[in-house]
Amino acid sequence: MFTGIIQSVALISSISDYQGIRTFNISFEQGFCKDLEVGASVAVDGVCLTATEIVTPIQVKFDVMLKSLEITTLSEYKQNQKINVERAAKDGAEIGGHPLSGHVDFKTSVLDVQQIDDNYRVRISTPREWIKYIFPKGYIALNGASLTVSDVNKNEGWFDVWLIPETRRMTTFEDKQSGSNINVEIERGTQVVVDTVRDAINEKMGALMPLFEKFLASNNADIDSIGQAAQRALSDSDKQ
């Protein structure tokens, strides 16, 4: 498990391919790899990778399977690529962001970046099948960083996040621009609640479901927004 708080920016020193496996040799900042062992997990731009060889105190090798290359941005990376990294959370660690599995759901592109003084807004394109799990003030993980969604447009298929100067300083987001691809992991609790509510309503409504959806649409809502509201209520109750 990871916390979504990026600990460092690392560098891909070299890349090699053999029999469908891509191996990254990654150089980390001094001290990042302290007590890191073969078999340990590190999130690389949000993708949970397993250390396969400790080359030096600051260099470690990781193997990536074909499926992970297909789903994530790791297939696009070149030598000297900068990446966000986080060590796996230890028992009792403070969750500064939100719990992450390191299992990326999809990769997508940056639509637009806007900077107003120290305010930095990034707009992310989102496939229809995933936008239903994303809502304002909800959590989302982009390249392994836990961020809060500010705005969502389901019809146009995008959402916005705003980055504070510290987040930009500690991550690679400063390098992202329109067209850059990003790994996305949705908040798992939200997905479970939205799917459960949708299935429950569909089971109860049956043939009346299309009429119910039209009614919701006429009020600028949908079934997924009901699930999102339920998730927000659960989150608020947990904080009390």
C-alpha atoms as a PDB file:
ATOM      1  CA  MET A   1       0.000   0.000   0.000  1.00  0.00           C
ATOM      2  CA  PHE A   2       1.051   3.578  -0.655  1.00  0.00           C
ATOM      3  CA  THR A   3      -0.084   6.905   0.771  1.00  0.00           C
ATOM      4  CA  GLY A   4      -0.089   9.064  -2.351  1.00  0.00           C
ATOM      5  CA  ILE A   5       2.543  11.411  -0.914  1.00  0.00           C
ATOM      6  CA  ILE A   6       5.419  11.553  -3.384  1.00  0.00           C
ATOM      7  CA  GLN A   7       8.714  11.215  -1.521  1.00  0.00           C
ATOM      8  CA  SER A   8      11.155  12.014  -4.281  1.00  0.00           C
ATOM      9  CA  VAL A   9      11.809  12.443  -7.991  1.00  0.00           C
ATOM     10  CA  ALA A  10      14.058   9.729  -9.468  1.00  0.00           C
ATOM     11  CA  LEU A  11      15.705   9.175 -12.856  1.00  0.00           C
ATOM     12  CA  ILE A  12      15.565   6.210 -15.244  1.00  0.00           C
ATOM     13  CA  SER A  13      19.251   5.449 -15.887  1.00  0.00           C
ATOM     14  CA  SER A  14      18.742   2.714 -18.477  1.00  0.00           C
ATOM     15  CA  ILE A  15      16.058   0.516 -20.051  1.00  0.00           C
ATOM     16  CA  SER A  16      16.398  -2.995 -21.473  1.00  0.00           C
ATOM     17  CA  ASP A  17      13.930  -5.487 -22.976  1.00  0.00           C
ATOM     18  CA  TYR A  18      14.146  -9.269 -22.889  1.00  0.00           C
ATOM     19  CA  GLN A  19      11.436 -11.833 -23.708  1.00  0.00           C
ATOM     20  CA  GLY A  20       8.546  -9.441 -23.121  1.00  0.00           C
ATOM     21  CA  ILE A  21       9.928  -8.020 -19.871  1.00  0.00           C
ATOM     22  CA  ARG A  22      11.163  -4.433 -19.683  1.00  0.00           C
ATOM     23  CA  THR A  23      13.774  -3.706 -17.027  1.00  0.00           C
ATOM     24  CA  PHE A  24      14.276  -0.223 -15.623  1.00  0.00           C
ATOM     25  CA  ASN A  25      17.492   0.717 -13.863  1.00  0.00           C
ATOM     26  CA  ILE A  26      16.428   3.649 -11.677  1.00  0.00           C
ATOM     27  CA  SER A  27      18.675   6.129  -9.880  1.00  0.00           C
ATOM     28  CA  PHE A  28      17.266   7.503  -6.620  1.00  0.00           C
ATOM     29  CA  GLU A  29      18.222  10.368  -4.349  1.00  0.00           C
ATOM     30  CA  GLN A  30      20.712   9.555  -1.609  1.00  0.00           C
ATOM     31  CA  GLY A  31      19.006   7.799   1.307  1.00  0.00           C
ATOM     32  CA  PHE A  32      15.817   6.813  -0.541  1.00  0.00           C
ATOM     33  CA  CYS A  33      16.889   3.170  -0.822  1.00  0.00           C
ATOM     34  CA  LYS A  34      17.947   2.743   2.807  1.00  0.00           C
ATOM     35  CA  ASP A  35      16.968  -0.789   3.956  1.00  0.00           C
ATOM     36  CA  LEU A  36      15.338  -1.463   0.561  1.00  0.00           C
ATOM     37  CA  GLU A  37      15.585  -5.164  -0.293  1.00  0.00           C
ATOM     38  CA  VAL A  38      14.922  -7.314  -3.328  1.00  0.00           C
ATOM     39  CA  GLY A  39      11.172  -8.001  -3.407  1.00  0.00           C
ATOM     40  CA  ALA A  40      10.233  -4.643  -1.892  1.00  0.00           C
ATOM     41  CA  SER A  41       7.622  -2.453  -3.582  1.00  0.00           C
ATOM     42  CA  VAL A  42       8.165   1.045  -4.937  1.00  0.00           C
ATOM     43  CA  ALA A  43       5.543   3.155  -6.692  1.00  0.00           C
ATOM     44  CA  VAL A  44       6.965   4.558  -9.927  1.00  0.00           C
ATOM     45  CA  ASP A  45       4.644   7.242 -11.314  1.00  0.00           C
ATOM     46  CA  GLY A  46       1.882   5.452  -9.437  1.00  0.00           C
ATOM     47  CA  VAL A  47       2.722   1.942 -10.683  1.00  0.00           C
ATOM     48  CA  CYS A  48       3.656  -0.583  -8.010  1.00  0.00           C
ATOM     49  CA  LEU A  49       6.945  -2.201  -9.079  1.00  0.00           C
ATOM     50  CA  THR A  50       9.029  -4.869  -7.364  1.00  0.00           C
ATOM     51  CA  ALA A  51      12.746  -4.415  -6.819  1.00  0.00           C
ATOM     52  CA  THR A  52      14.604  -7.239  -8.580  1.00  0.00           C
ATOM     53  CA  GLU A  53      18.223  -6.180  -8.036  1.00  0.00           C
ATOM     54  CA  ILE A  54      19.996  -3.709  -5.758  1.00  0.00           C
ATOM     55  CA  VAL A  55      22.741  -2.424  -8.071  1.00  0.00           C
ATOM     56  CA  THR A  56      24.226   0.270  -5.802  1.00  0.00           C
ATOM     57  CA  PRO A  57      22.999   2.177  -2.723  1.00  0.00           C
ATOM     58  CA  ILE A  58      21.169   4.541  -5.100  1.00  0.00           C
ATOM     59  CA  GLN A  59      20.432   2.317  -8.121  1.00  0.00           C
ATOM     60  CA  VAL A  60      17.811  -0.434  -8.283  1.00  0.00           C
ATOM     61  CA  LYS A  61      16.416  -2.575 -11.096  1.00  0.00           C
ATOM     62  CA  PHE A  62      12.700  -3.249 -11.611  1.00  0.00           C
ATOM     63  CA  ASP A  63      11.009  -5.611 -14.081  1.00  0.00           C
ATOM     64  CA  VAL A  64       7.759  -4.599 -15.793  1.00  0.00           C
ATOM     65  CA  MET A  65       5.396  -7.083 -17.448  1.00  0.00           C
ATOM     66  CA  LEU A  66       3.709  -6.541 -20.811  1.00  0.00           C
ATOM     67  CA  LYS A  67       0.272  -5.927 -19.254  1.00  0.00           C
ATOM     68  CA  SER A  68       1.597  -3.116 -17.079  1.00  0.00           C
ATOM     69  CA  LEU A  69       3.278  -1.573 -20.111  1.00  0.00           C
ATOM     70  CA  GLU A  70      -0.035  -1.643 -21.999  1.00  0.00           C
ATOM     71  CA  ILE A  71      -2.089   0.019 -19.256  1.00  0.00           C
ATOM     72  CA  THR A  72       0.408   2.592 -17.982  1.00  0.00           C
ATOM     73  CA  THR A  73       2.769   5.244 -19.295  1.00  0.00           C
ATOM     74  CA  LEU A  74       5.824   3.092 -18.547  1.00  0.00           C
ATOM     75  CA  SER A  75       5.862   1.904 -22.178  1.00  0.00           C
ATOM     76  CA  GLU A  76       6.599   5.490 -23.286  1.00  0.00           C
ATOM     77  CA  TYR A  77       9.533   6.201 -20.989  1.00  0.00           C
ATOM     78  CA  LYS A  78      13.049   6.832 -22.219  1.00  0.00           C
ATOM     79  CA  GLN A  79      16.473   7.007 -20.601  1.00  0.00           C
ATOM     80  CA  ASN A  80      16.834  10.019 -18.259  1.00  0.00           C
ATOM     81  CA  GLN A  81      13.047  10.210 -17.759  1.00  0.00           C
ATOM     82  CA  LYS A  82      12.123  11.861 -14.446  1.00  0.00           C
ATOM     83  CA  ILE A  83       9.574   9.952 -12.356  1.00  0.00           C
ATOM     84  CA  ASN A  84       7.635  10.309  -9.097  1.00  0.00           C
ATOM     85  CA  VAL A  85       8.549   7.651  -6.538  1.00  0.00           C
ATOM     86  CA  GLU A  86       7.235   6.490  -3.171  1.00  0.00           C
ATOM     87  CA  ARG A  87       8.294   3.622  -0.904  1.00  0.00           C
ATOM     88  CA  ALA A  88       5.592   1.239   0.297  1.00  0.00           C
ATOM     89  CA  ALA A  89       3.945   2.420   3.510  1.00  0.00           C
ATOM     90  CA  LYS A  90       4.990   0.736   6.740  1.00  0.00           C
ATOM     91  CA  ASP A  91       2.561  -0.396   9.435  1.00  0.00           C
ATOM     92  CA  GLY A  92       1.289   2.586  11.382  1.00  0.00           C
ATOM     93  CA  ALA A  93       2.396   5.108   8.750  1.00  0.00           C
ATOM     94  CA  GLU A  94       0.441   8.348   8.573  1.00  0.00           C
ATOM     95  CA  ILE A  95      -1.780   8.458   5.472  1.00  0.00           C
ATOM     96  CA  GLY A  96      -1.163  12.005   4.327  1.00  0.00           C
ATOM     97  CA  GLY A  97      -3.042  11.510   1.071  1.00  0.00           C
ATOM     98  CA  HIS A  98      -5.329   8.480   0.674  1.00  0.00           C
ATOM     99  CA  PRO A  99      -4.620   4.724   0.505  1.00  0.00           C
ATOM    100  CA  LEU A 100      -3.342   3.607  -2.911  1.00  0.00           C
ATOM    101  CA  SER A 101      -2.746   0.124  -4.263  1.00  0.00           C
ATOM    102  CA  GLY A 102      -0.329   1.117  -7.009  1.00  0.00           C
ATOM    103  CA  HIS A 103      -2.602  -0.615  -9.543  1.00  0.00           C
ATOM    104  CA  VAL A 104      -3.220   1.979 -12.239  1.00  0.00           C
ATOM    105  CA  ASP A 105      -6.717   1.929 -13.731  1.00  0.00           C
ATOM    106  CA  PHE A 106      -5.947   3.771 -16.953  1.00  0.00           C
ATOM    107  CA  LYS A 107      -3.614   6.244 -18.589  1.00  0.00           C
ATOM    108  CA  THR A 108      -4.901   9.410 -20.167  1.00  0.00           C
ATOM    109  CA  SER A 109      -3.732  12.767 -21.444  1.00  0.00           C
ATOM    110  CA  VAL A 110      -3.480  16.282 -20.081  1.00  0.00           C
ATOM    111  CA  LEU A 111      -5.907  18.540 -21.926  1.00  0.00           C
ATOM    112  CA  ASP A 112      -4.746  21.876 -20.621  1.00  0.00           C
ATOM    113  CA  VAL A 113      -2.508  23.524 -18.033  1.00  0.00           C
ATOM    114  CA  GLN A 114      -3.257  26.981 -16.698  1.00  0.00           C
ATOM    115  CA  GLN A 115      -1.111  28.989 -14.303  1.00  0.00           C
ATOM    116  CA  ILE A 116      -2.371  32.092 -12.502  1.00  0.00           C
ATOM    117  CA  ASP A 117       0.356  33.406 -10.182  1.00  0.00           C
ATOM    118  CA  ASP A 118       1.081  30.440  -7.881  1.00  0.00           C
ATOM    119  CA  ASN A 119      -2.179  28.707  -8.801  1.00  0.00           C
ATOM    120  CA  TYR A 120      -1.612  25.791 -11.180  1.00  0.00           C
ATOM    121  CA  ARG A 121      -4.606  24.044 -12.731  1.00  0.00           C
ATOM    122  CA  VAL A 122      -4.317  20.795 -14.704  1.00  0.00           C
ATOM    123  CA  ARG A 123      -7.265  19.485 -16.763  1.00  0.00           C
ATOM    124  CA  ILE A 124      -7.302  15.728 -17.372  1.00  0.00           C
ATOM    125  CA  SER A 125      -9.169  13.884 -20.126  1.00  0.00           C
ATOM    126  CA  THR A 126     -11.205  10.956 -18.769  1.00  0.00           C
ATOM    127  CA  PRO A 127     -12.852   7.980 -20.559  1.00  0.00           C
ATOM    128  CA  ARG A 128     -16.597   7.686 -20.066  1.00  0.00           C
ATOM    129  CA  GLU A 129     -16.353   4.387 -18.186  1.00  0.00           C
ATOM    130  CA  TRP A 130     -14.227   6.031 -15.483  1.00  0.00           C
ATOM    131  CA  ILE A 131     -15.655   9.546 -15.193  1.00  0.00           C
ATOM    132  CA  LYS A 132     -18.584   8.199 -13.141  1.00  0.00           C
ATOM    133  CA  TYR A 133     -16.189   7.538 -10.235  1.00  0.00           C
ATOM    134  CA  ILE A 134     -14.757  11.061 -10.178  1.00  0.00           C
ATOM    135  CA  PHE A 135     -16.480  13.951  -8.408  1.00  0.00           C
ATOM    136  CA  PRO A 136     -15.613  17.369  -6.956  1.00  0.00           C
ATOM    137  CA  LYS A 137     -13.754  17.203  -3.614  1.00  0.00           C
ATOM    138  CA  GLY A 138     -13.116  13.509  -4.153  1.00  0.00           C
ATOM    139  CA  TYR A 139      -9.685  11.874  -4.186  1.00  0.00           C
ATOM    140  CA  ILE A 140      -7.768  10.866  -7.309  1.00  0.00           C
ATOM    141  CA  ALA A 141      -4.197   9.627  -7.807  1.00  0.00           C
ATOM    142  CA  LEU A 142      -2.206  11.058 -10.734  1.00  0.00           C
ATOM    143  CA  ASN A 143       1.229   9.544 -11.349  1.00  0.00           C
ATOM    144  CA  GLY A 144       1.110   8.302  -7.769  1.00  0.00           C
ATOM    145  CA  ALA A 145       0.233  11.640  -6.165  1.00  0.00           C
ATOM    146  CA  SER A 146      -2.927  11.867  -4.074  1.00  0.00           C
ATOM    147  CA  LEU A 147      -4.848  14.936  -5.245  1.00  0.00           C
ATOM    148  CA  THR A 148      -8.277  16.467  -4.693  1.00  0.00           C
ATOM    149  CA  VAL A 149     -10.602  16.898  -7.663  1.00  0.00           C
ATOM    150  CA  SER A 150     -11.834  20.480  -8.038  1.00  0.00           C
ATOM    151  CA  ASP A 151     -14.202  20.330 -11.011  1.00  0.00           C
ATOM    152  CA  VAL A 152     -15.700  17.620 -13.223  1.00  0.00           C
ATOM    153  CA  ASN A 153     -17.487  17.800 -16.570  1.00  0.00           C
ATOM    154  CA  LYS A 154     -19.045  14.417 -17.311  1.00  0.00           C
ATOM    155  CA  ASN A 155     -20.499  15.467 -20.655  1.00  0.00           C
ATOM    156  CA  GLU A 156     -17.152  16.634 -21.998  1.00  0.00           C
ATOM    157  CA  GLY A 157     -15.161  13.960 -20.129  1.00  0.00           C
ATOM    158  CA  TRP A 158     -12.638  15.866 -18.031  1.00  0.00           C
ATOM    159  CA  PHE A 159     -11.754  16.835 -14.474  1.00  0.00           C
ATOM    160  CA  ASP A 160      -9.494  19.480 -12.927  1.00  0.00           C
ATOM    161  CA  VAL A 161      -6.952  19.398 -10.131  1.00  0.00           C
ATOM    162  CA  TRP A 162      -5.091  22.371  -8.652  1.00  0.00           C
ATOM    163  CA  LEU A 163      -1.496  22.012  -7.510  1.00  0.00           C
ATOM    164  CA  ILE A 164       0.137  23.972  -4.707  1.00  0.00           C
ATOM    165  CA  PRO A 165       3.794  25.063  -5.120  1.00  0.00           C
ATOM    166  CA  GLU A 166       5.022  22.309  -2.757  1.00  0.00           C
ATOM    167  CA  THR A 167       3.376  19.582  -4.855  1.00  0.00           C
ATOM    168  CA  ARG A 168       4.968  20.985  -7.993  1.00  0.00           C
ATOM    169  CA  ARG A 169       8.351  21.179  -6.274  1.00  0.00           C
ATOM    170  CA  MET A 170       8.247  17.567  -5.065  1.00  0.00           C
ATOM    171  CA  THR A 171       6.897  15.979  -8.264  1.00  0.00           C
ATOM    172  CA  THR A 172       7.280  15.956 -12.043  1.00  0.00           C
ATOM    173  CA  PHE A 173       3.999  17.790 -12.699  1.00  0.00           C
ATOM    174  CA  GLU A 174       5.877  20.968 -13.582  1.00  0.00           C
ATOM    175  CA  ASP A 175       7.047  19.154 -16.749  1.00  0.00           C
ATOM    176  CA  LYS A 176       3.544  18.162 -17.867  1.00  0.00           C
ATOM    177  CA  GLN A 177       1.782  20.026 -20.653  1.00  0.00           C
ATOM    178  CA  SER A 178      -1.100  19.542 -23.069  1.00  0.00           C
ATOM    179  CA  GLY A 179      -0.741  16.078 -24.616  1.00  0.00           C
ATOM    180  CA  SER A 180       1.354  14.585 -21.799  1.00  0.00           C
ATOM    181  CA  ASN A 181       0.111  11.197 -20.630  1.00  0.00           C
ATOM    182  CA  ILE A 182      -0.572  10.476 -16.963  1.00  0.00           C
ATOM    183  CA  ASN A 183      -1.367   7.354 -14.908  1.00  0.00           C
ATOM    184  CA  VAL A 184      -4.667   7.435 -13.017  1.00  0.00           C
ATOM    185  CA  GLU A 185      -5.788   5.339 -10.051  1.00  0.00           C
ATOM    186  CA  ILE A 186      -9.315   6.064  -8.882  1.00  0.00           C
ATOM    187  CA  GLU A 187     -10.263   6.011  -5.211  1.00  0.00           C
ATOM    188  CA  ARG A 188     -11.306   2.416  -4.597  1.00  0.00           C
ATOM    189  CA  GLY A 189     -13.909   3.160  -1.932  1.00  0.00           C
ATOM    190  CA  THR A 190     -15.744   5.483  -4.307  1.00  0.00           C
ATOM    191  CA  GLN A 191     -15.798   2.838  -7.031  1.00  0.00           C
ATOM    192  CA  VAL A 192     -17.288   0.252  -4.677  1.00  0.00           C
ATOM    193  CA  VAL A 193     -20.026   2.589  -3.410  1.00  0.00           C
ATOM    194  CA  VAL A 194     -20.967   3.905  -6.877  1.00  0.00           C
ATOM    195  CA  ASP A 195     -21.186   0.388  -8.328  1.00  0.00           C
ATOM    196  CA  THR A 196     -23.154  -0.915  -5.331  1.00  0.00           C
ATOM    197  CA  VAL A 197     -25.690   1.923  -5.479  1.00  0.00           C
ATOM    198  CA  ARG A 198     -26.110   1.540  -9.248  1.00  0.00           C
ATOM    199  CA  ASP A 199     -26.666  -2.227  -8.962  1.00  0.00           C
ATOM    200  CA  ALA A 200     -29.128  -1.797  -6.073  1.00  0.00           C
ATOM    201  CA  ILE A 201     -31.176   0.848  -7.903  1.00  0.00           C
ATOM    202  CA  ASN A 202     -31.152  -1.166 -11.119  1.00  0.00           C
ATOM    203  CA  GLU A 203     -32.380  -4.253  -9.250  1.00  0.00           C
ATOM    204  CA  LYS A 204     -35.223  -2.358  -7.566  1.00  0.00           C
ATOM    205  CA  MET A 205     -36.305  -0.224 -10.518  1.00  0.00           C
ATOM    206  CA  GLY A 206     -36.168  -2.880 -13.213  1.00  0.00           C
ATOM    207  CA  ALA A 207     -38.091  -1.735 -16.306  1.00  0.00           C
ATOM    208  CA  LEU A 208     -38.590   1.722 -14.739  1.00  0.00           C
ATOM    209  CA  MET A 209     -34.844   2.368 -14.787  1.00  0.00           C
ATOM    210  CA  PRO A 210     -34.833   4.359 -18.085  1.00  0.00           C
ATOM    211  CA  LEU A 211     -37.596   6.636 -16.761  1.00  0.00           C
ATOM    212  CA  PHE A 212     -35.709   7.165 -13.517  1.00  0.00           C
ATOM    213  CA  GLU A 213     -32.539   8.063 -15.421  1.00  0.00           C
ATOM    214  CA  LYS A 214     -34.490  10.597 -17.514  1.00  0.00           C
ATOM    215  CA  PHE A 215     -35.892  12.123 -14.337  1.00  0.00           C
ATOM    216  CA  LEU A 216     -32.414  12.456 -12.854  1.00  0.00           C
ATOM    217  CA  ALA A 217     -31.074  13.954 -16.085  1.00  0.00           C
ATOM    218  CA  SER A 218     -33.814  16.582 -16.066  1.00  0.00           C
ATOM    219  CA  ASN A 219     -32.518  17.613 -12.642  1.00  0.00           C
ATOM    220  CA  ASN A 220     -28.863  17.676 -13.726  1.00  0.00           C
ATOM    221  CA  ALA A 221     -28.072  14.451 -11.887  1.00  0.00           C
ATOM    222  CA  ASP A 222     -27.507  10.773 -12.610  1.00  0.00           C
ATOM    223  CA  ILE A 223     -27.346   7.466 -10.763  1.00  0.00           C
ATOM    224  CA  ASP A 224     -23.605   7.703 -10.304  1.00  0.00           C
ATOM    225  CA  SER A 225     -23.954  11.074  -8.568  1.00  0.00           C
ATOM    226  CA  ILE A 226     -26.183   9.347  -5.996  1.00  0.00           C
ATOM    227  CA  GLY A 227     -23.401   6.862  -5.315  1.00  0.00           C
ATOM    228  CA  GLN A 228     -20.892   9.677  -5.075  1.00  0.00           C
ATOM    229  CA  ALA A 229     -23.110  11.497  -2.588  1.00  0.00           C
ATOM    230  CA  ALA A 230     -23.301   8.319  -0.521  1.00  0.00           C
ATOM    231  CA  GLN A 231     -19.505   8.018  -0.575  1.00  0.00           C
ATOM    232  CA  ARG A 232     -19.116  11.633   0.551  1.00  0.00           C
ATOM    233  CA  ALA A 233     -21.537  11.010   3.409  1.00  0.00           C
ATOM    234  CA  LEU A 234     -19.532   7.959   4.474  1.00  0.00           C
ATOM    235  CA  SER A 235     -16.264   9.912   4.272  1.00  0.00           C
ATOM    236  CA  ASP A 236     -17.701  12.766   6.349  1.00  0.00           C
ATOM    237  CA  SER A 237     -18.979  10.348   8.993  1.00  0.00           C
ATOM    238  CA  ASP A 238     -15.540   8.728   9.223  1.00  0.00           C
ATOM    239  CA  LYS A 239     -13.980  12.119   9.943  1.00  0.00           C
ATOM    240  CA  GLN A 240     -16.359  12.833  12.849  1.00  0.00           C
END
